[in-house]
Amino acid sequence: MDILIIEDELNAFEILQKRLAMQAPQARVIGHLRTIVDSINWFKAHPEPDLVFLDIELTDGQSFEIFKHVSLRCPVIFTTAYDQYAIKAFTLNSLDYLLKPISEERLQQALDKYQHLKETFAAPALEQMQALLAQQKPRLRKRFLVSSGEKYHFIKAPEIAYFYSEDGVSFVRTLENRRHLLNDTLDSLEKELDPAAFFRINRKQIVQLDAIQTIHEYFNHRFKLDLKAPLSDHEFIVSRLRRTDFKNWLNGR
């Protein structure tokens, strides 16, 4: 089994390489790349490996950019320190999604999954293998059940302006300026919402794309947002750590 590792952190590469040598001694690491540009050039000049370990955050950007320039048919195991990219990863050739630091157990599970799929599907049936992987995409929430007194009704996702947390309690506010209490945490909502439509701008707020009216530069390298509706006494500040991801999100990346 020929493996290509794309990882910009040398220490992370060395740890993964050592663990592969122990857990998959039959595997051969045929290359180590650290940037998007080098990866694109490598794939254009070499046959595809059997398996790719691909870090999401590389020196020159997010590795999803690679897929815009080369068409890969080999399975990919994404590695990252962040879990917010899982949904996007599963829209590509993702065989698995490993959070750093990668445990021996999770690495073994990913390798076992690869071996199982390899034995189940012959090479001419690669389309079937990719279809099976596609079934693993996380299910997105399209509506939310809320209560009004003793009655219940649901709110569709496009009707939502933003979610927010206040004193440890989560709320949703609609484009019609109605507020409802939710039992969900923002952490769970972030994983279930459509990442193309919703973005968590800070620890306490998740906004919907269509609700954003104006984006302003703000001090300390942050953004301040004005929403179309509803009027609110909340400030919407994109944290400094999420600024780059927010710009990529607005660009559809």
Protein backbone atom coordinates (compact mmCIF):
# COMPACT_ATOMS: atom_id res chain seq x y z
CA MET A 1 0.00 0.00 0.00
CA ASP A 2 1.54 3.31 -1.14
CA ILE A 3 0.69 6.27 1.09
CA LEU A 4 1.20 9.99 0.47
CA ILE A 5 1.25 12.30 3.49
CA ILE A 6 0.43 15.99 3.06
CA GLU A 7 1.24 17.72 6.34
CA ASP A 8 2.97 21.05 6.98
CA GLU A 9 3.98 20.31 10.59
CA LEU A 10 7.16 18.25 10.60
CA ASN A 11 6.50 16.86 14.08
CA ALA A 12 3.00 15.71 13.11
CA PHE A 13 4.39 14.07 9.96
CA GLU A 14 7.07 12.20 11.88
CA ILE A 15 4.58 10.93 14.47
CA LEU A 16 2.17 9.72 11.77
CA GLN A 17 4.99 8.09 9.81
CA LYS A 18 6.19 6.19 12.91
CA ARG A 19 2.70 5.00 13.79
CA LEU A 20 2.08 3.82 10.24
CA ALA A 21 5.33 1.85 10.38
CA MET A 22 4.10 0.11 13.53
CA GLN A 23 0.42 -0.34 12.68
CA ALA A 24 0.70 -0.93 8.93
CA PRO A 25 4.19 -2.35 8.28
CA GLN A 26 3.12 -3.34 4.75
CA ALA A 27 2.54 0.32 3.91
CA ARG A 28 5.12 2.48 2.14
CA VAL A 29 5.19 6.27 2.56
CA ILE A 30 6.11 7.46 -0.92
CA GLY A 31 6.11 11.18 -0.27
CA HIS A 32 5.74 14.06 2.16
CA LEU A 33 4.33 17.37 0.92
CA ARG A 34 3.74 20.56 2.93
CA THR A 35 1.87 23.01 0.68
CA ILE A 36 -1.13 23.20 -1.64
CA VAL A 37 1.04 24.23 -4.60
CA ASP A 38 3.49 21.36 -4.14
CA SER A 39 0.59 18.90 -3.76
CA ILE A 40 -1.11 20.02 -6.97
CA ASN A 41 2.16 19.73 -8.89
CA TRP A 42 2.86 16.29 -7.37
CA PHE A 43 -0.52 14.87 -8.37
CA LYS A 44 -0.13 16.19 -11.91
CA ALA A 45 3.25 14.48 -12.26
CA HIS A 46 2.73 11.17 -10.42
CA PRO A 47 0.28 8.26 -10.41
CA GLU A 48 -2.21 8.41 -7.55
CA PRO A 49 -1.18 6.56 -4.38
CA ASP A 50 -3.41 3.98 -2.73
CA LEU A 51 -4.21 6.31 0.16
CA VAL A 52 -3.62 9.96 1.10
CA PHE A 53 -3.34 11.43 4.60
CA LEU A 54 -4.23 15.08 4.13
CA ASP A 55 -3.95 17.84 6.72
CA ILE A 56 -6.63 20.51 6.20
CA GLU A 57 -4.74 23.60 7.39
CA LEU A 58 -1.56 23.89 5.32
CA THR A 59 1.03 26.66 5.13
CA ASP A 60 -0.57 28.30 2.08
CA GLY A 61 -4.26 27.71 2.90
CA GLN A 62 -6.85 24.97 3.29
CA SER A 63 -6.10 21.76 1.43
CA PHE A 64 -9.64 21.67 0.00
CA GLU A 65 -8.15 23.95 -2.67
CA ILE A 66 -6.24 20.97 -4.07
CA PHE A 67 -9.47 19.36 -5.25
CA LYS A 68 -10.26 22.41 -7.39
CA HIS A 69 -7.16 21.77 -9.52
CA VAL A 70 -6.81 17.99 -9.67
CA SER A 71 -9.39 15.22 -9.85
CA LEU A 72 -8.53 12.60 -7.27
CA ARG A 73 -10.06 9.14 -7.23
CA CYS A 74 -8.00 7.67 -4.41
CA PRO A 75 -9.43 7.63 -0.86
CA VAL A 76 -8.36 10.40 1.51
CA ILE A 77 -8.04 10.44 5.29
CA PHE A 78 -8.26 14.04 6.49
CA THR A 79 -6.30 15.10 9.57
CA THR A 80 -6.91 18.34 11.47
CA ALA A 81 -7.03 19.94 14.89
CA TYR A 82 -10.50 21.34 14.15
CA ASP A 83 -13.83 19.53 13.80
CA GLN A 84 -15.75 22.22 11.89
CA TYR A 85 -14.49 20.96 8.51
CA ALA A 86 -15.96 17.46 8.82
CA ILE A 87 -18.99 18.11 6.64
CA LYS A 88 -16.95 19.67 3.85
CA ALA A 89 -14.41 16.84 4.04
CA PHE A 90 -17.12 14.23 3.54
CA THR A 91 -18.20 15.89 0.29
CA LEU A 92 -14.81 14.94 -1.17
CA ASN A 93 -13.03 11.55 -1.26
CA SER A 94 -13.00 11.30 2.51
CA LEU A 95 -12.50 7.83 3.92
CA ASP A 96 -12.19 9.14 7.46
CA TYR A 97 -11.64 12.33 9.47
CA LEU A 98 -9.04 12.19 12.25
CA LEU A 99 -8.73 14.89 14.89
CA LYS A 100 -5.27 15.74 16.14
CA PRO A 101 -3.60 14.49 18.20
CA ILE A 102 -4.37 11.24 16.38
CA SER A 103 -4.70 8.29 18.72
CA GLU A 104 -3.41 4.84 17.81
CA GLU A 105 -6.95 3.50 18.12
CA ARG A 106 -8.46 6.01 15.65
CA LEU A 107 -5.61 5.50 13.20
CA GLN A 108 -6.15 1.75 13.32
CA GLN A 109 -9.89 2.19 12.76
CA ALA A 110 -9.19 4.30 9.67
CA LEU A 111 -6.72 1.77 8.30
CA ASP A 112 -9.16 -1.08 8.97
CA LYS A 113 -11.87 0.84 7.14
CA TYR A 114 -9.59 1.30 4.15
CA GLN A 115 -8.70 -2.40 4.09
CA HIS A 116 -12.35 -3.43 4.39
CA LEU A 117 -13.42 -1.23 1.50
CA LYS A 118 -10.47 -2.37 -0.60
CA GLU A 119 -11.44 -6.01 -0.11
CA THR A 120 -15.14 -5.34 -0.65
CA PHE A 121 -14.86 -3.44 -3.90
CA ALA A 122 -12.62 -4.32 -6.83
CA ALA A 123 -10.82 -1.51 -8.64
CA PRO A 124 -13.36 -1.29 -11.52
CA ALA A 125 -16.08 -0.66 -8.93
CA LEU A 126 -14.46 2.46 -7.48
CA GLU A 127 -17.64 4.44 -8.16
CA GLN A 128 -19.47 2.11 -5.78
CA MET A 129 -16.82 2.70 -3.13
CA GLN A 130 -17.19 6.45 -3.48
CA ALA A 131 -20.98 6.12 -3.27
CA LEU A 132 -20.60 4.19 -0.02
CA LEU A 133 -18.37 6.91 1.38
CA ALA A 134 -20.89 9.54 0.35
CA GLN A 135 -23.50 7.86 2.54
CA GLN A 136 -21.38 8.79 5.57
CA LYS A 137 -22.01 12.50 5.12
CA PRO A 138 -23.39 14.05 8.30
CA ARG A 139 -27.12 14.71 8.24
CA LEU A 140 -27.98 18.43 8.27
CA ARG A 141 -30.77 19.96 10.35
CA LYS A 142 -33.48 21.54 8.20
CA ARG A 143 -35.94 22.54 10.95
CA PHE A 144 -36.11 23.12 14.69
CA LEU A 145 -38.95 22.34 17.08
CA VAL A 146 -39.78 25.19 19.47
CA SER A 147 -42.57 25.85 21.96
CA SER A 148 -44.91 28.81 22.42
CA GLY A 149 -46.73 28.37 25.68
CA GLU A 150 -48.31 24.94 25.56
CA LYS A 151 -48.07 24.69 21.78
CA TYR A 152 -45.22 23.50 19.60
CA HIS A 153 -44.23 24.47 16.08
CA PHE A 154 -41.13 24.22 13.94
CA ILE A 155 -38.88 26.81 12.35
CA LYS A 156 -37.24 26.06 9.01
CA ALA A 157 -33.52 26.77 8.75
CA PRO A 158 -33.87 29.53 6.07
CA GLU A 159 -36.20 31.43 8.44
CA ILE A 160 -33.44 31.79 11.05
CA ALA A 161 -31.35 34.96 11.41
CA TYR A 162 -28.99 33.72 14.10
CA PHE A 163 -28.46 31.51 17.12
CA TYR A 164 -26.91 32.79 20.32
CA SER A 165 -26.03 31.75 23.83
CA GLU A 166 -26.79 33.81 26.92
CA ASP A 167 -25.98 32.76 30.48
CA GLY A 168 -25.46 29.20 29.29
CA VAL A 169 -28.86 29.05 27.53
CA SER A 170 -29.28 28.82 23.73
CA PHE A 171 -31.77 30.84 21.72
CA VAL A 172 -32.78 31.19 18.09
CA ARG A 173 -34.02 34.45 16.58
CA THR A 174 -35.90 34.41 13.30
CA LEU A 175 -35.85 36.88 10.44
CA GLU A 176 -39.29 37.98 11.67
CA ASN A 177 -37.68 38.99 14.98
CA ARG A 178 -39.13 36.18 17.08
CA ARG A 179 -37.02 34.63 19.80
CA HIS A 180 -37.30 31.04 20.98
CA LEU A 181 -35.51 28.95 23.57
CA LEU A 182 -33.58 25.90 22.35
CA ASN A 183 -32.39 22.81 24.16
CA ASP A 184 -29.40 22.49 21.82
CA THR A 185 -25.95 23.85 22.60
CA LEU A 186 -24.12 26.00 20.06
CA ASP A 187 -21.46 23.30 19.82
CA SER A 188 -24.04 20.73 18.71
CA LEU A 189 -25.79 23.19 16.40
CA GLU A 190 -22.51 24.05 14.67
CA LYS A 191 -22.07 20.39 13.72
CA GLU A 192 -25.65 19.97 12.46
CA LEU A 193 -26.19 23.18 10.49
CA ASP A 194 -25.48 23.57 6.78
CA PRO A 195 -21.94 25.04 6.70
CA ALA A 196 -22.73 26.86 3.46
CA ALA A 197 -25.54 28.82 5.15
CA PHE A 198 -24.43 29.22 8.78
CA PHE A 199 -21.17 30.32 10.39
CA ARG A 200 -20.15 30.50 14.03
CA ILE A 201 -18.59 33.95 14.28
CA ASN A 202 -17.59 33.60 17.96
CA ARG A 203 -18.22 31.40 20.99
CA LYS A 204 -21.73 32.78 21.53
CA GLN A 205 -23.20 33.45 18.07
CA ILE A 206 -23.95 31.61 14.83
CA VAL A 207 -25.26 33.74 11.95
CA GLN A 208 -27.09 32.89 8.76
CA LEU A 209 -25.55 34.14 5.50
CA ASP A 210 -28.73 35.73 4.15
CA ALA A 211 -29.19 37.71 7.38
CA ILE A 212 -25.91 39.61 6.93
CA GLN A 213 -26.28 43.12 5.51
CA THR A 214 -22.94 44.88 6.02
CA ILE A 215 -19.47 43.83 7.14
CA HIS A 216 -17.17 46.39 8.79
CA GLU A 217 -13.52 46.28 9.75
CA TYR A 218 -13.29 46.31 13.54
CA PHE A 219 -10.44 46.84 15.97
CA ASN A 220 -8.02 44.06 16.88
CA HIS A 221 -8.31 42.53 13.37
CA ARG A 222 -11.97 41.57 13.75
CA PHE A 223 -15.14 42.14 11.74
CA LYS A 224 -18.38 43.72 12.92
CA LEU A 225 -21.62 42.66 11.21
CA ASP A 226 -24.87 44.50 10.62
CA LEU A 227 -27.80 42.15 10.10
CA LYS A 228 -30.70 42.90 7.76
CA ALA A 229 -33.18 41.74 10.36
CA PRO A 230 -34.09 41.56 13.10
CA LEU A 231 -33.15 44.68 15.00
CA SER A 232 -31.28 43.60 18.10
CA ASP A 233 -29.27 45.01 20.94
CA HIS A 234 -26.67 42.30 20.28
CA GLU A 235 -23.34 43.15 18.68
CA PHE A 236 -22.13 40.67 16.07
CA ILE A 237 -18.35 40.51 16.16
CA VAL A 238 -16.33 37.96 14.18
CA SER A 239 -13.50 36.90 16.46
CA ARG A 240 -9.92 37.40 15.32
CA LEU A 241 -9.27 33.65 15.25
CA ARG A 242 -12.26 33.09 12.94
CA ARG A 243 -11.60 36.03 10.61
CA THR A 244 -9.80 34.06 7.88
CA ASP A 245 -12.31 31.19 7.96
CA PHE A 246 -15.14 33.73 7.82
CA LYS A 247 -13.68 35.35 4.68
CA ASN A 248 -13.26 31.91 3.09
CA TRP A 249 -16.87 31.09 4.00
CA LEU A 250 -18.12 34.30 2.35
CA ASN A 251 -16.10 33.34 -0.74
CA GLY A 252 -17.82 29.95 -0.84
CA ARG A 253 -14.69 28.00 0.09
